[in-house]
Amino acid sequence: MKNKGTQTKLKIRKGDLVKVIAGDSKGQQGKVQEVLVATNRVIIEGVNLVSKHTKPNAATPNGGIIKKEAALHISNVQLVDPKTGKTTRIGRKLNADGKLVRVAKKSGEEIK
């Protein structure tokens, strides 16, 4: 069993284009808005929408039900290859400058 203090290296970052590969939102694509490192979850723009009941406040004077993105586990999403548009795994390589960069396993393309 893992210790609470250790954390794994997450390969998906904010701004990446990802595709959901499992769950109710399977097949949907979107940009990563936030990565929750502590819980290994990501929030993706326009994916996994839930209805949230809100009380009246300054922002929403009438209150009501709003649609909001919920977090997905990071294992249920996969990066979309910038070259081919298909899902791919992520590797790390040294580039010409000697800097460690992320690369798509399928095409070998560097991920910006």
N, C-alpha and C. Protein backbone atom coordinates (compact mmCIF):
# COMPACT_ATOMS: atom_id res chain seq x y z
N MET A 1 0.83 -1.19 0.00
CA MET A 1 0.00 0.00 0.00
C MET A 1 0.87 1.25 0.00
N LYS A 2 0.42 2.28 -0.71
CA LYS A 2 1.21 3.51 -0.82
C LYS A 2 1.12 4.33 0.46
N ASN A 3 2.18 5.05 0.74
CA ASN A 3 2.16 6.01 1.84
C ASN A 3 1.39 7.24 1.40
N LYS A 4 0.84 7.97 2.37
CA LYS A 4 0.09 9.17 2.02
C LYS A 4 1.00 10.27 1.49
N GLY A 5 2.26 10.27 1.91
CA GLY A 5 3.19 11.33 1.53
C GLY A 5 3.69 11.23 0.10
N THR A 6 3.68 10.03 -0.51
CA THR A 6 4.23 9.88 -1.86
C THR A 6 3.19 10.24 -2.92
N GLN A 7 3.67 10.83 -4.01
CA GLN A 7 2.80 11.15 -5.12
C GLN A 7 3.46 10.70 -6.42
N THR A 8 2.64 10.19 -7.34
CA THR A 8 3.16 9.75 -8.62
C THR A 8 3.28 10.93 -9.58
N LYS A 9 4.14 10.80 -10.59
CA LYS A 9 4.32 11.83 -11.60
C LYS A 9 3.14 11.78 -12.57
N LEU A 10 2.37 12.85 -12.64
CA LEU A 10 1.22 12.91 -13.54
C LEU A 10 1.69 13.38 -14.90
N LYS A 11 1.25 12.69 -15.94
CA LYS A 11 1.69 13.00 -17.29
C LYS A 11 0.78 13.99 -18.00
N ILE A 12 -0.40 14.22 -17.45
CA ILE A 12 -1.36 15.14 -18.06
C ILE A 12 -1.31 16.47 -17.31
N ARG A 13 -1.29 17.55 -18.08
CA ARG A 13 -1.17 18.89 -17.50
C ARG A 13 -2.33 19.78 -17.94
N LYS A 14 -2.45 20.91 -17.26
CA LYS A 14 -3.46 21.90 -17.59
C LYS A 14 -3.23 22.39 -19.03
N GLY A 15 -4.31 22.48 -19.80
CA GLY A 15 -4.22 22.95 -21.18
C GLY A 15 -4.10 21.84 -22.21
N ASP A 16 -3.87 20.60 -21.78
CA ASP A 16 -3.76 19.47 -22.71
C ASP A 16 -5.13 19.11 -23.29
N LEU A 17 -5.14 18.67 -24.55
CA LEU A 17 -6.36 18.16 -25.17
C LEU A 17 -6.43 16.67 -24.88
N VAL A 18 -7.49 16.24 -24.19
CA VAL A 18 -7.61 14.83 -23.80
C VAL A 18 -8.95 14.26 -24.26
N LYS A 19 -9.02 12.93 -24.30
CA LYS A 19 -10.24 12.22 -24.65
C LYS A 19 -10.57 11.28 -23.50
N VAL A 20 -11.85 11.20 -23.15
CA VAL A 20 -12.30 10.31 -22.08
C VAL A 20 -12.39 8.90 -22.65
N ILE A 21 -11.73 7.93 -22.01
CA ILE A 21 -11.69 6.56 -22.52
C ILE A 21 -12.53 5.59 -21.70
N ALA A 22 -13.12 6.06 -20.58
CA ALA A 22 -13.95 5.19 -19.75
C ALA A 22 -14.97 6.02 -18.98
N GLY A 23 -16.10 5.40 -18.65
CA GLY A 23 -17.12 6.08 -17.85
C GLY A 23 -18.28 6.59 -18.69
N ASP A 24 -19.15 7.36 -18.05
CA ASP A 24 -20.36 7.88 -18.70
C ASP A 24 -20.04 8.85 -19.83
N SER A 25 -18.95 9.58 -19.72
CA SER A 25 -18.56 10.58 -20.72
C SER A 25 -17.61 10.03 -21.77
N LYS A 26 -17.54 8.71 -21.91
CA LYS A 26 -16.60 8.05 -22.83
C LYS A 26 -16.75 8.60 -24.25
N GLY A 27 -15.60 8.92 -24.88
CA GLY A 27 -15.60 9.41 -26.25
C GLY A 27 -15.55 10.92 -26.38
N GLN A 28 -15.84 11.63 -25.29
CA GLN A 28 -15.84 13.10 -25.35
C GLN A 28 -14.42 13.64 -25.24
N GLN A 29 -14.18 14.76 -25.93
CA GLN A 29 -12.88 15.42 -25.89
C GLN A 29 -13.01 16.79 -25.28
N GLY A 30 -11.92 17.26 -24.68
CA GLY A 30 -11.92 18.61 -24.13
C GLY A 30 -10.56 18.99 -23.60
N LYS A 31 -10.43 20.27 -23.26
CA LYS A 31 -9.18 20.79 -22.72
C LYS A 31 -9.19 20.66 -21.20
N VAL A 32 -8.04 20.30 -20.63
CA VAL A 32 -7.93 20.16 -19.18
C VAL A 32 -7.92 21.55 -18.56
N GLN A 33 -8.89 21.80 -17.66
CA GLN A 33 -8.97 23.09 -16.98
C GLN A 33 -8.14 23.09 -15.70
N GLU A 34 -8.13 21.94 -15.01
CA GLU A 34 -7.46 21.86 -13.72
C GLU A 34 -7.03 20.43 -13.45
N VAL A 35 -5.86 20.27 -12.83
CA VAL A 35 -5.37 18.96 -12.42
C VAL A 35 -5.31 18.95 -10.90
N LEU A 36 -6.07 18.02 -10.29
CA LEU A 36 -6.08 17.88 -8.84
C LEU A 36 -5.08 16.80 -8.46
N VAL A 37 -3.85 17.21 -8.14
CA VAL A 37 -2.74 16.28 -7.93
C VAL A 37 -2.98 15.37 -6.72
N ALA A 38 -3.52 15.91 -5.65
CA ALA A 38 -3.70 15.15 -4.41
C ALA A 38 -4.64 13.96 -4.60
N THR A 39 -5.65 14.11 -5.47
CA THR A 39 -6.64 13.05 -5.66
C THR A 39 -6.51 12.34 -7.01
N ASN A 40 -5.49 12.69 -7.81
CA ASN A 40 -5.28 12.11 -9.15
C ASN A 40 -6.49 12.29 -10.05
N ARG A 41 -7.05 13.48 -10.05
CA ARG A 41 -8.23 13.77 -10.86
C ARG A 41 -8.01 14.99 -11.74
N VAL A 42 -8.81 15.08 -12.81
CA VAL A 42 -8.74 16.23 -13.72
C VAL A 42 -10.15 16.76 -13.97
N ILE A 43 -10.23 18.07 -14.22
CA ILE A 43 -11.49 18.69 -14.62
C ILE A 43 -11.32 19.11 -16.07
N ILE A 44 -12.24 18.63 -16.92
CA ILE A 44 -12.14 18.86 -18.37
C ILE A 44 -13.30 19.74 -18.81
N GLU A 45 -12.97 20.72 -19.64
CA GLU A 45 -13.94 21.70 -20.14
C GLU A 45 -15.07 21.03 -20.92
N GLY A 46 -16.32 21.20 -20.46
CA GLY A 46 -17.50 20.70 -21.16
C GLY A 46 -17.75 19.20 -21.05
N VAL A 47 -17.01 18.50 -20.19
CA VAL A 47 -17.14 17.04 -20.05
C VAL A 47 -17.54 16.69 -18.62
N ASN A 48 -18.33 15.62 -18.47
CA ASN A 48 -18.78 15.13 -17.16
C ASN A 48 -19.56 16.21 -16.40
N LEU A 49 -20.57 16.76 -17.06
CA LEU A 49 -21.37 17.82 -16.46
C LEU A 49 -22.35 17.26 -15.44
N VAL A 50 -22.46 17.94 -14.29
CA VAL A 50 -23.41 17.56 -13.25
C VAL A 50 -24.30 18.76 -12.95
N SER A 51 -25.52 18.49 -12.45
CA SER A 51 -26.43 19.56 -12.07
C SER A 51 -26.18 19.92 -10.61
N LYS A 52 -25.94 21.19 -10.35
CA LYS A 52 -25.67 21.65 -9.00
C LYS A 52 -26.74 22.64 -8.59
N HIS A 53 -27.36 22.41 -7.45
CA HIS A 53 -28.38 23.30 -6.93
C HIS A 53 -27.70 24.43 -6.17
N THR A 54 -28.06 25.68 -6.50
CA THR A 54 -27.43 26.82 -5.84
C THR A 54 -28.46 27.69 -5.15
N LYS A 55 -28.07 28.22 -4.00
CA LYS A 55 -28.91 29.16 -3.27
C LYS A 55 -28.77 30.53 -3.91
N PRO A 56 -29.76 31.40 -3.74
CA PRO A 56 -29.62 32.75 -4.27
C PRO A 56 -28.45 33.48 -3.62
N ASN A 57 -27.65 34.15 -4.44
CA ASN A 57 -26.53 34.97 -3.95
C ASN A 57 -26.32 36.13 -4.91
N ALA A 58 -25.25 36.88 -4.72
CA ALA A 58 -25.00 38.06 -5.56
C ALA A 58 -24.82 37.69 -7.03
N ALA A 59 -24.14 36.57 -7.30
CA ALA A 59 -23.90 36.15 -8.68
C ALA A 59 -25.17 35.62 -9.34
N THR A 60 -25.94 34.81 -8.61
CA THR A 60 -27.20 34.27 -9.13
C THR A 60 -28.34 34.68 -8.19
N PRO A 61 -29.00 35.82 -8.48
CA PRO A 61 -30.03 36.35 -7.58
C PRO A 61 -31.21 35.39 -7.37
N ASN A 62 -31.54 34.59 -8.38
CA ASN A 62 -32.68 33.67 -8.25
C ASN A 62 -32.26 32.29 -7.76
N GLY A 63 -30.95 32.00 -7.78
CA GLY A 63 -30.51 30.64 -7.43
C GLY A 63 -30.86 29.71 -8.56
N GLY A 64 -31.11 28.43 -8.24
CA GLY A 64 -31.53 27.49 -9.28
C GLY A 64 -30.52 26.39 -9.51
N ILE A 65 -30.65 25.73 -10.66
CA ILE A 65 -29.79 24.60 -11.00
C ILE A 65 -28.81 25.02 -12.09
N ILE A 66 -27.53 24.79 -11.84
CA ILE A 66 -26.51 25.12 -12.84
C ILE A 66 -25.76 23.85 -13.24
N LYS A 67 -25.29 23.82 -14.48
CA LYS A 67 -24.48 22.69 -14.97
C LYS A 67 -23.02 23.02 -14.70
N LYS A 68 -22.29 22.06 -14.15
CA LYS A 68 -20.90 22.29 -13.77
C LYS A 68 -20.08 21.05 -14.08
N GLU A 69 -18.80 21.25 -14.46
CA GLU A 69 -17.92 20.12 -14.74
C GLU A 69 -17.49 19.47 -13.43
N ALA A 70 -17.56 18.15 -13.39
CA ALA A 70 -17.09 17.39 -12.23
C ALA A 70 -15.75 16.74 -12.59
N ALA A 71 -14.99 16.39 -11.57
CA ALA A 71 -13.67 15.81 -11.78
C ALA A 71 -13.78 14.36 -12.24
N LEU A 72 -12.83 13.96 -13.09
CA LEU A 72 -12.70 12.58 -13.56
C LEU A 72 -11.37 12.04 -13.08
N HIS A 73 -11.28 10.73 -12.85
CA HIS A 73 -9.99 10.16 -12.47
C HIS A 73 -9.06 10.21 -13.67
N ILE A 74 -7.79 10.46 -13.40
CA ILE A 74 -6.80 10.66 -14.46
C ILE A 74 -6.60 9.41 -15.31
N SER A 75 -6.91 8.23 -14.76
CA SER A 75 -6.76 6.98 -15.52
C SER A 75 -7.85 6.82 -16.57
N ASN A 76 -8.91 7.61 -16.49
CA ASN A 76 -10.02 7.51 -17.44
C ASN A 76 -9.88 8.47 -18.61
N VAL A 77 -8.77 9.21 -18.67
CA VAL A 77 -8.53 10.11 -19.80
C VAL A 77 -7.19 9.80 -20.44
N GLN A 78 -7.09 10.10 -21.74
CA GLN A 78 -5.86 9.86 -22.47
C GLN A 78 -5.60 11.06 -23.38
N LEU A 79 -4.34 11.42 -23.51
CA LEU A 79 -3.95 12.57 -24.31
C LEU A 79 -4.23 12.32 -25.79
N VAL A 80 -4.65 13.37 -26.51
CA VAL A 80 -4.86 13.29 -27.95
C VAL A 80 -3.56 13.73 -28.63
N ASP A 81 -3.07 12.86 -29.52
CA ASP A 81 -1.81 13.12 -30.24
C ASP A 81 -1.95 14.37 -31.09
N PRO A 82 -1.03 15.36 -30.95
CA PRO A 82 -1.16 16.60 -31.73
C PRO A 82 -1.00 16.39 -33.24
N LYS A 83 -0.33 15.32 -33.66
CA LYS A 83 -0.07 15.07 -35.08
C LYS A 83 -1.21 14.28 -35.73
N THR A 84 -1.62 13.14 -35.12
CA THR A 84 -2.60 12.26 -35.74
C THR A 84 -4.03 12.48 -35.29
N GLY A 85 -4.22 13.06 -34.10
CA GLY A 85 -5.58 13.27 -33.57
C GLY A 85 -6.13 12.05 -32.85
N LYS A 86 -5.32 10.99 -32.73
CA LYS A 86 -5.74 9.79 -32.01
C LYS A 86 -5.17 9.82 -30.60
N THR A 87 -5.71 8.99 -29.72
CA THR A 87 -5.21 8.96 -28.35
C THR A 87 -3.85 8.29 -28.31
N THR A 88 -3.02 8.74 -27.37
CA THR A 88 -1.66 8.21 -27.27
C THR A 88 -1.19 8.24 -25.82
N ARG A 89 -0.19 7.41 -25.55
CA ARG A 89 0.46 7.47 -24.25
C ARG A 89 1.55 8.54 -24.31
N ILE A 90 2.12 8.86 -23.15
CA ILE A 90 3.08 9.95 -23.08
C ILE A 90 4.42 9.42 -22.57
N GLY A 91 5.50 9.81 -23.25
CA GLY A 91 6.84 9.46 -22.80
C GLY A 91 7.62 10.74 -22.54
N ARG A 92 8.85 10.58 -22.04
CA ARG A 92 9.70 11.73 -21.78
C ARG A 92 11.05 11.50 -22.46
N LYS A 93 11.55 12.55 -23.11
CA LYS A 93 12.80 12.46 -23.85
C LYS A 93 13.60 13.74 -23.69
N LEU A 94 14.90 13.64 -23.88
CA LEU A 94 15.75 14.83 -23.90
C LEU A 94 15.69 15.43 -25.30
N ASN A 95 15.43 16.74 -25.38
CA ASN A 95 15.41 17.39 -26.69
C ASN A 95 16.81 17.90 -27.05
N ALA A 96 16.93 18.65 -28.13
CA ALA A 96 18.22 19.14 -28.61
C ALA A 96 18.93 20.03 -27.60
N ASP A 97 18.14 20.75 -26.79
CA ASP A 97 18.72 21.65 -25.79
C ASP A 97 19.14 20.91 -24.51
N GLY A 98 18.86 19.61 -24.46
CA GLY A 98 19.18 18.84 -23.26
C GLY A 98 18.13 18.96 -22.18
N LYS A 99 16.93 19.41 -22.57
CA LYS A 99 15.82 19.58 -21.63
C LYS A 99 14.87 18.40 -21.76
N LEU A 100 14.32 17.93 -20.64
CA LEU A 100 13.39 16.81 -20.65
C LEU A 100 12.00 17.30 -21.08
N VAL A 101 11.47 16.73 -22.17
CA VAL A 101 10.16 17.16 -22.69
C VAL A 101 9.25 15.94 -22.83
N ARG A 102 7.94 16.21 -22.86
CA ARG A 102 6.96 15.14 -23.05
C ARG A 102 6.81 14.88 -24.55
N VAL A 103 6.73 13.60 -24.93
CA VAL A 103 6.53 13.23 -26.33
C VAL A 103 5.39 12.22 -26.44
N ALA A 104 4.67 12.28 -27.56
CA ALA A 104 3.60 11.32 -27.84
C ALA A 104 4.25 10.02 -28.29
N LYS A 105 3.82 8.90 -27.70
CA LYS A 105 4.41 7.59 -28.03
C LYS A 105 4.10 7.17 -29.47
N LYS A 106 2.90 7.49 -29.98
CA LYS A 106 2.50 7.04 -31.31
C LYS A 106 3.27 7.73 -32.42
N SER A 107 3.40 9.07 -32.34
CA SER A 107 4.03 9.80 -33.44
C SER A 107 5.43 10.29 -33.13
N GLY A 108 5.80 10.30 -31.86
CA GLY A 108 7.10 10.82 -31.47
C GLY A 108 7.14 12.33 -31.42
N GLU A 109 5.97 12.97 -31.64
CA GLU A 109 5.83 14.42 -31.66
C GLU A 109 5.96 14.99 -30.24
N GLU A 110 6.64 16.12 -30.11
CA GLU A 110 6.78 16.80 -28.82
C GLU A 110 5.45 17.43 -28.42
N ILE A 111 5.10 17.31 -27.15
CA ILE A 111 3.85 17.89 -26.65
C ILE A 111 4.16 19.24 -26.03
N LYS A 112 3.51 20.27 -26.54
CA LYS A 112 3.76 21.63 -26.05
C LYS A 112 2.99 21.88 -24.78
